[in-house]
C-alpha cells in the first residue's frame, strides 16, 4: 500500500497511457481496410470452383446449410463488442491520465 501511495501519480499516468495506446491499436486494427480482403477473395474463388463443378456434374445436388446469416450476425456482434471495448478503454485511459495531473489537496 505504501508503494501505491508513493508512486500513485506515475502509476496512474502509466496505466492511462497504456489504456489509451491499447484503445488506439484496437481501433486501427479493427477498422476495415480498403478493397477486398484475402478471406473474401478466397471465399469467392471457392464459390466459383463449386459453381463450375456443380455445372459440369450431373449428380444430384446436396443441400448445404446456409450459415451466411449466422456469420453476418456474429461479425456484427463482434464488431460492436470491439467498438464498446475501445470506447471504454479510451474513457478509462483518459480518466486515469487526466486524474494523474490533479494536484492533491494538502490536509492541515
C-alpha atoms as a PDB file:
ATOM      1  CA  UNK A   1       0.000   0.000   0.000  1.00  0.00           C
ATOM      2  CA  UNK A   2       2.876   2.312   0.772  1.00  0.00           C
ATOM      3  CA  UNK A   3       4.300   1.649  -2.718  1.00  0.00           C
ATOM      4  CA  UNK A   4       0.998   2.667  -4.327  1.00  0.00           C
ATOM      5  CA  UNK A   5       0.754   5.872  -2.310  1.00  0.00           C
ATOM      6  CA  UNK A   6       4.354   6.775  -3.077  1.00  0.00           C
ATOM      7  CA  UNK A   7       4.126   6.208  -6.833  1.00  0.00           C
ATOM      8  CA  UNK A   8       0.411   6.954  -7.339  1.00  0.00           C
ATOM      9  CA  UNK A   9       0.968   9.674  -9.941  1.00  0.00           C
ATOM     10  CA  UNK A  10       3.356   7.578 -12.003  1.00  0.00           C
ATOM     11  CA  UNK A  11       1.099   4.511 -11.837  1.00  0.00           C
ATOM     12  CA  UNK A  12      -1.956   6.484 -12.964  1.00  0.00           C
ATOM     13  CA  UNK A  13      -0.038   8.047 -15.861  1.00  0.00           C
ATOM     14  CA  UNK A  14       1.391   4.709 -16.997  1.00  0.00           C
ATOM     15  CA  UNK A  15      -1.979   2.963 -16.687  1.00  0.00           C
ATOM     16  CA  UNK A  16      -3.722   5.773 -18.582  1.00  0.00           C
ATOM     17  CA  UNK A  17      -1.119   5.813 -21.330  1.00  0.00           C
ATOM     18  CA  UNK A  18      -1.272   2.028 -21.726  1.00  0.00           C
ATOM     19  CA  UNK A  19      -5.083   2.054 -21.925  1.00  0.00           C
ATOM     20  CA  UNK A  20      -5.054   4.857 -24.490  1.00  0.00           C
ATOM     21  CA  UNK A  21      -2.406   3.074 -26.539  1.00  0.00           C
ATOM     22  CA  UNK A  22      -4.409  -0.156 -26.337  1.00  0.00           C
ATOM     23  CA  UNK A  23      -7.582   1.631 -27.463  1.00  0.00           C
ATOM     24  CA  UNK A  24      -5.917   3.248 -30.472  1.00  0.00           C
ATOM     25  CA  UNK A  25      -4.248  -0.011 -31.513  1.00  0.00           C
ATOM     26  CA  UNK A  26      -7.549  -1.904 -31.300  1.00  0.00           C
ATOM     27  CA  UNK A  27      -9.378   0.865 -33.153  1.00  0.00           C
ATOM     28  CA  UNK A  28      -6.979   0.952 -36.081  1.00  0.00           C
ATOM     29  CA  UNK A  29      -6.656  -2.832 -36.126  1.00  0.00           C
ATOM     30  CA  UNK A  30     -10.423  -3.322 -36.357  1.00  0.00           C
ATOM     31  CA  UNK A  31     -11.016  -0.538 -38.885  1.00  0.00           C
ATOM     32  CA  UNK A  32     -11.833  -2.132 -42.240  1.00  0.00           C
ATOM     33  CA  UNK A  33      -9.230  -1.812 -44.920  1.00  0.00           C
ATOM     34  CA  UNK A  34      -9.889  -0.577 -48.424  1.00  0.00           C
ATOM     35  CA  UNK A  35     -10.544  -3.183 -51.079  1.00  0.00           C
ATOM     36  CA  UNK A  36     -11.175  -6.897 -50.849  1.00  0.00           C
ATOM     37  CA  UNK A  37      -9.597  -8.922 -48.072  1.00  0.00           C
ATOM     38  CA  UNK A  38      -7.824 -12.219 -48.652  1.00  0.00           C
ATOM     39  CA  UNK A  39     -10.616 -14.136 -46.909  1.00  0.00           C
ATOM     40  CA  UNK A  40     -13.278 -12.636 -49.186  1.00  0.00           C
ATOM     41  CA  UNK A  41     -11.133 -13.358 -52.236  1.00  0.00           C
ATOM     42  CA  UNK A  42     -10.641 -16.982 -51.150  1.00  0.00           C
ATOM     43  CA  UNK A  43     -14.387 -17.360 -50.482  1.00  0.00           C
ATOM     44  CA  UNK A  44     -15.149 -16.022 -53.956  1.00  0.00           C
ATOM     45  CA  UNK A  45     -12.677 -18.476 -55.501  1.00  0.00           C
ATOM     46  CA  UNK A  46     -14.211 -21.406 -53.599  1.00  0.00           C
ATOM     47  CA  UNK A  47     -17.710 -20.359 -54.678  1.00  0.00           C
ATOM     48  CA  UNK A  48     -16.540 -20.087 -58.284  1.00  0.00           C
ATOM     49  CA  UNK A  49     -14.970 -23.570 -58.157  1.00  0.00           C
ATOM     50  CA  UNK A  50     -18.090 -25.073 -56.577  1.00  0.00           C
ATOM     51  CA  UNK A  51     -20.249 -23.481 -59.260  1.00  0.00           C
ATOM     52  CA  UNK A  52     -18.063 -24.840 -62.041  1.00  0.00           C
ATOM     53  CA  UNK A  53     -18.104 -28.327 -60.506  1.00  0.00           C
ATOM     54  CA  UNK A  54     -21.866 -28.256 -59.966  1.00  0.00           C
ATOM     55  CA  UNK A  55     -22.424 -27.157 -63.562  1.00  0.00           C
ATOM     56  CA  UNK A  56     -20.277 -29.930 -65.050  1.00  0.00           C
ATOM     57  CA  UNK A  57     -21.597 -32.850 -62.979  1.00  0.00           C
ATOM     58  CA  UNK A  58     -24.986 -34.465 -63.464  1.00  0.00           C
ATOM     59  CA  UNK A  59     -25.267 -35.916 -59.940  1.00  0.00           C
ATOM     60  CA  UNK A  60     -27.997 -34.652 -57.622  1.00  0.00           C
ATOM     61  CA  UNK A  61     -27.099 -31.630 -55.556  1.00  0.00           C
ATOM     62  CA  UNK A  62     -26.564 -31.951 -51.849  1.00  0.00           C
ATOM     63  CA  UNK A  63     -28.160 -29.081 -49.943  1.00  0.00           C
ATOM     64  CA  UNK A  64     -25.718 -27.247 -47.704  1.00  0.00           C
ATOM     65  CA  UNK A  65     -26.990 -25.378 -44.676  1.00  0.00           C
ATOM     66  CA  UNK A  66     -26.979 -21.620 -45.129  1.00  0.00           C
ATOM     67  CA  UNK A  67     -24.660 -20.177 -42.497  1.00  0.00           C
ATOM     68  CA  UNK A  68     -24.320 -16.733 -44.022  1.00  0.00           C
ATOM     69  CA  UNK A  69     -26.937 -15.135 -41.731  1.00  0.00           C
ATOM     70  CA  UNK A  70     -25.303 -16.582 -38.646  1.00  0.00           C
ATOM     71  CA  UNK A  71     -21.843 -15.455 -39.730  1.00  0.00           C
ATOM     72  CA  UNK A  72     -23.119 -11.983 -40.577  1.00  0.00           C
ATOM     73  CA  UNK A  73     -24.745 -11.606 -37.144  1.00  0.00           C
ATOM     74  CA  UNK A  74     -21.600 -12.974 -35.492  1.00  0.00           C
ATOM     75  CA  UNK A  75     -19.366 -10.482 -37.291  1.00  0.00           C
ATOM     76  CA  UNK A  76     -21.703  -7.579 -36.475  1.00  0.00           C
ATOM     77  CA  UNK A  77     -21.815  -8.563 -32.806  1.00  0.00           C
ATOM     78  CA  UNK A  78     -18.045  -8.929 -32.655  1.00  0.00           C
ATOM     79  CA  UNK A  79     -17.575  -5.519 -34.290  1.00  0.00           C
ATOM     80  CA  UNK A  80     -19.948  -3.849 -31.807  1.00  0.00           C
ATOM     81  CA  UNK A  81     -18.167  -5.512 -28.868  1.00  0.00           C
ATOM     82  CA  UNK A  82     -14.796  -4.253 -30.076  1.00  0.00           C
ATOM     83  CA  UNK A  83     -16.216  -0.744 -30.513  1.00  0.00           C
ATOM     84  CA  UNK A  84     -17.562  -0.808 -26.957  1.00  0.00           C
ATOM     85  CA  UNK A  85     -14.245  -2.109 -25.645  1.00  0.00           C
ATOM     86  CA  UNK A  86     -12.415   0.659 -27.464  1.00  0.00           C
ATOM     87  CA  UNK A  87     -14.706   3.367 -26.082  1.00  0.00           C
ATOM     88  CA  UNK A  88     -14.371   2.012 -22.529  1.00  0.00           C
ATOM     89  CA  UNK A  89     -10.572   1.841 -22.847  1.00  0.00           C
ATOM     90  CA  UNK A  90     -10.408   5.425 -24.153  1.00  0.00           C
ATOM     91  CA  UNK A  91     -12.616   6.727 -21.330  1.00  0.00           C
ATOM     92  CA  UNK A  92     -10.705   4.861 -18.614  1.00  0.00           C
ATOM     93  CA  UNK A  93      -7.311   5.708 -20.101  1.00  0.00           C
ATOM     94  CA  UNK A  94      -8.039   9.392 -20.424  1.00  0.00           C
ATOM     95  CA  UNK A  95      -9.600   9.410 -16.946  1.00  0.00           C
ATOM     96  CA  UNK A  96      -6.533   7.825 -15.345  1.00  0.00           C
ATOM     97  CA  UNK A  97      -4.199  10.050 -17.311  1.00  0.00           C
ATOM     98  CA  UNK A  98      -6.040  13.279 -16.508  1.00  0.00           C
ATOM     99  CA  UNK A  99      -6.504  12.314 -12.857  1.00  0.00           C
ATOM    100  CA  UNK A 100      -2.743  11.946 -12.508  1.00  0.00           C
ATOM    101  CA  UNK A 101      -2.333  15.676 -13.236  1.00  0.00           C
ATOM    102  CA  UNK A 102      -4.723  16.812 -10.497  1.00  0.00           C
ATOM    103  CA  UNK A 103      -2.813  18.124  -7.531  1.00  0.00           C
ATOM    104  CA  UNK A 104      -3.944  16.552  -4.253  1.00  0.00           C
ATOM    105  CA  UNK A 105      -5.303  18.844  -1.587  1.00  0.00           C
ATOM    106  CA  UNK A 106      -2.980  19.086   1.378  1.00  0.00           C
ATOM    107  CA  UNK A 107      -4.616  18.337   4.689  1.00  0.00           C
ATOM    108  CA  UNK A 108      -3.849  20.575   7.656  1.00  0.00           C
END
